[in-house]
Amino acid sequence: MSSGEVLVAGRGLGAAQLKRWPVTARVDPDVMVVRADLAELPEIPRYAKLAIGRSPDGSTQVLGDERVLEELEEGSRLFVEAWRERPLAKPDRPGEGKSWDTPGFKAP
């Protein structure tokens, strides 16, 4: 696999051990998203009850016990659901990156 992001969850995360992977989002002490090479994914569950890896192409791999999500507060569970559902690529939009005064481009 390639570089991607990993959502880690579970009470008592080994935050000190997870510091080798940059944290890109943290909901509470029990849920965070780290940037990691997905080849390292099998190592991450040593420090968390659940690790969900997602590659840039959108494929996912789940390691650990997904029942840990039931133990999370409602806001944390909603974050995990949203993270799993969000698209990785932005949709193409007409005029993306163009100045409003570009010839032929009509601003909204």
Protein backbone atom coordinates (compact mmCIF):
# COMPACT_ATOMS: atom_id res chain seq x y z
CA MET A 1 0.00 0.00 0.00
CA SER A 2 1.02 3.62 -0.14
CA SER A 3 0.98 6.66 2.05
CA GLY A 4 -2.43 7.55 3.39
CA GLU A 5 -4.27 8.29 6.59
CA VAL A 6 -5.25 6.09 9.50
CA LEU A 7 -8.05 6.69 11.94
CA VAL A 8 -7.18 5.21 15.34
CA ALA A 9 -9.71 4.75 18.13
CA GLY A 10 -9.99 3.28 21.57
CA ARG A 11 -9.81 4.24 25.21
CA GLY A 12 -6.27 4.65 26.43
CA LEU A 13 -4.62 5.27 23.06
CA GLY A 14 -0.87 4.92 23.25
CA ALA A 15 -0.46 8.56 22.22
CA ALA A 16 3.24 8.61 23.08
CA GLN A 17 3.90 5.63 20.80
CA LEU A 18 1.72 7.09 18.05
CA LYS A 19 3.84 10.27 17.91
CA ARG A 20 5.97 8.82 15.16
CA TRP A 21 3.01 9.41 12.84
CA PRO A 22 1.89 13.05 12.36
CA VAL A 23 -1.58 13.72 13.77
CA THR A 24 -3.83 15.45 11.23
CA ALA A 25 -7.01 15.49 13.35
CA ARG A 26 -7.90 14.73 16.95
CA VAL A 27 -11.45 14.54 18.24
CA ASP A 28 -10.79 13.65 21.85
CA PRO A 29 -8.29 11.46 23.67
CA ASP A 30 -9.95 8.39 22.15
CA VAL A 31 -9.99 9.24 18.41
CA MET A 32 -7.35 10.68 16.09
CA VAL A 33 -6.31 10.59 12.46
CA VAL A 34 -2.63 10.15 11.64
CA ARG A 35 -0.68 10.31 8.39
CA ALA A 36 1.08 7.00 7.82
CA ASP A 37 2.50 4.72 5.19
CA LEU A 38 -0.18 2.07 4.98
CA ALA A 39 2.48 -0.64 4.93
CA GLU A 40 2.87 0.24 8.62
CA LEU A 41 -0.83 -0.27 9.33
CA PRO A 42 -0.38 -3.65 11.07
CA GLU A 43 1.88 -1.96 13.63
CA ILE A 44 -0.60 0.74 14.65
CA PRO A 45 -3.17 -1.50 16.44
CA ARG A 46 -0.51 -2.24 19.07
CA TYR A 47 -1.31 1.22 20.43
CA ALA A 48 -5.05 1.42 19.73
CA LYS A 49 -8.06 -0.89 19.77
CA LEU A 50 -9.02 0.01 16.19
CA ALA A 51 -7.11 1.25 13.16
CA ILE A 52 -8.82 2.07 9.87
CA GLY A 53 -6.39 2.81 7.05
CA ARG A 54 -7.41 4.65 3.92
CA SER A 55 -5.22 4.96 0.85
CA PRO A 56 -5.32 7.91 -1.56
CA ASP A 57 -7.46 5.85 -3.97
CA GLY A 58 -10.14 5.48 -1.26
CA SER A 59 -9.67 1.80 -0.42
CA THR A 60 -9.81 0.99 3.29
CA GLN A 61 -8.46 -1.68 5.57
CA VAL A 62 -9.75 -2.26 9.11
CA LEU A 63 -7.62 -3.80 11.85
CA GLY A 64 -8.92 -4.30 15.35
CA ASP A 65 -12.32 -4.39 16.97
CA GLU A 66 -14.95 -2.10 15.45
CA ARG A 67 -17.09 -2.55 18.56
CA VAL A 68 -14.85 0.07 20.20
CA LEU A 69 -16.86 2.65 18.23
CA GLU A 70 -19.89 1.84 20.40
CA GLU A 71 -17.92 2.98 23.47
CA LEU A 72 -17.23 6.44 22.03
CA GLU A 73 -19.19 9.58 22.80
CA GLU A 74 -21.76 10.58 20.19
CA GLY A 75 -19.63 13.40 18.73
CA SER A 76 -16.67 11.07 18.28
CA ARG A 77 -18.84 8.43 16.61
CA LEU A 78 -20.20 11.07 14.21
CA PHE A 79 -16.64 12.15 13.38
CA VAL A 80 -15.67 8.54 12.58
CA GLU A 81 -18.74 8.10 10.36
CA ALA A 82 -18.03 11.35 8.52
CA TRP A 83 -14.35 10.47 8.09
CA ARG A 84 -15.27 7.10 6.59
CA GLU A 85 -17.78 8.64 4.18
CA ARG A 86 -15.96 11.77 3.01
CA PRO A 87 -14.60 11.70 -0.53
CA LEU A 88 -10.85 12.02 -0.84
CA ALA A 89 -10.87 13.95 -4.11
CA LYS A 90 -12.64 17.23 -4.72
CA PRO A 91 -15.11 17.16 -7.61
CA ASP A 92 -14.13 19.04 -10.75
CA ARG A 93 -15.68 22.49 -10.80
CA PRO A 94 -15.90 24.80 -13.81
CA GLY A 95 -13.36 27.57 -13.50
CA GLU A 96 -11.41 25.90 -10.68
CA GLY A 97 -8.28 27.96 -10.06
CA LYS A 98 -9.16 30.62 -12.63
CA SER A 99 -9.36 34.31 -11.87
CA TRP A 100 -12.81 35.82 -12.25
CA ASP A 101 -11.49 38.11 -14.95
CA THR A 102 -10.12 35.25 -17.09
CA PRO A 103 -11.41 35.65 -20.67
CA GLY A 104 -14.37 33.37 -21.28
CA PHE A 105 -14.99 32.65 -17.59
CA LYS A 106 -18.28 33.82 -16.12
CA ALA A 107 -18.20 34.29 -12.36
CA PRO A 108 -21.14 32.96 -10.35
